[in-house]
Amino acid sequence: MSGTAAALLSIAMLAAFLLGAAGIQQARKKEDRVARQRGLLMIAMAIILVANVLIWTL
């Protein structure tokens, strides 16, 4: 794997962890339904991003 591809996959993983953390924080807001849905979508996107990185590395 070239240096550029490795750097891009590393950035994608950092983005996935940040999305997951922010999604958990948003999803914990029980009184705001829109924020909760946004948080769950962020968590789903983080899972998909990690899966894509795994596919590209295998």
Foldseek 3Di string as FASTA:
>chain_A
DDPVVVVVLVVLLVQLVVLLVCLVVQLVPPVDPVSNVSSVVSNVVSVVSVVVSVVVVD
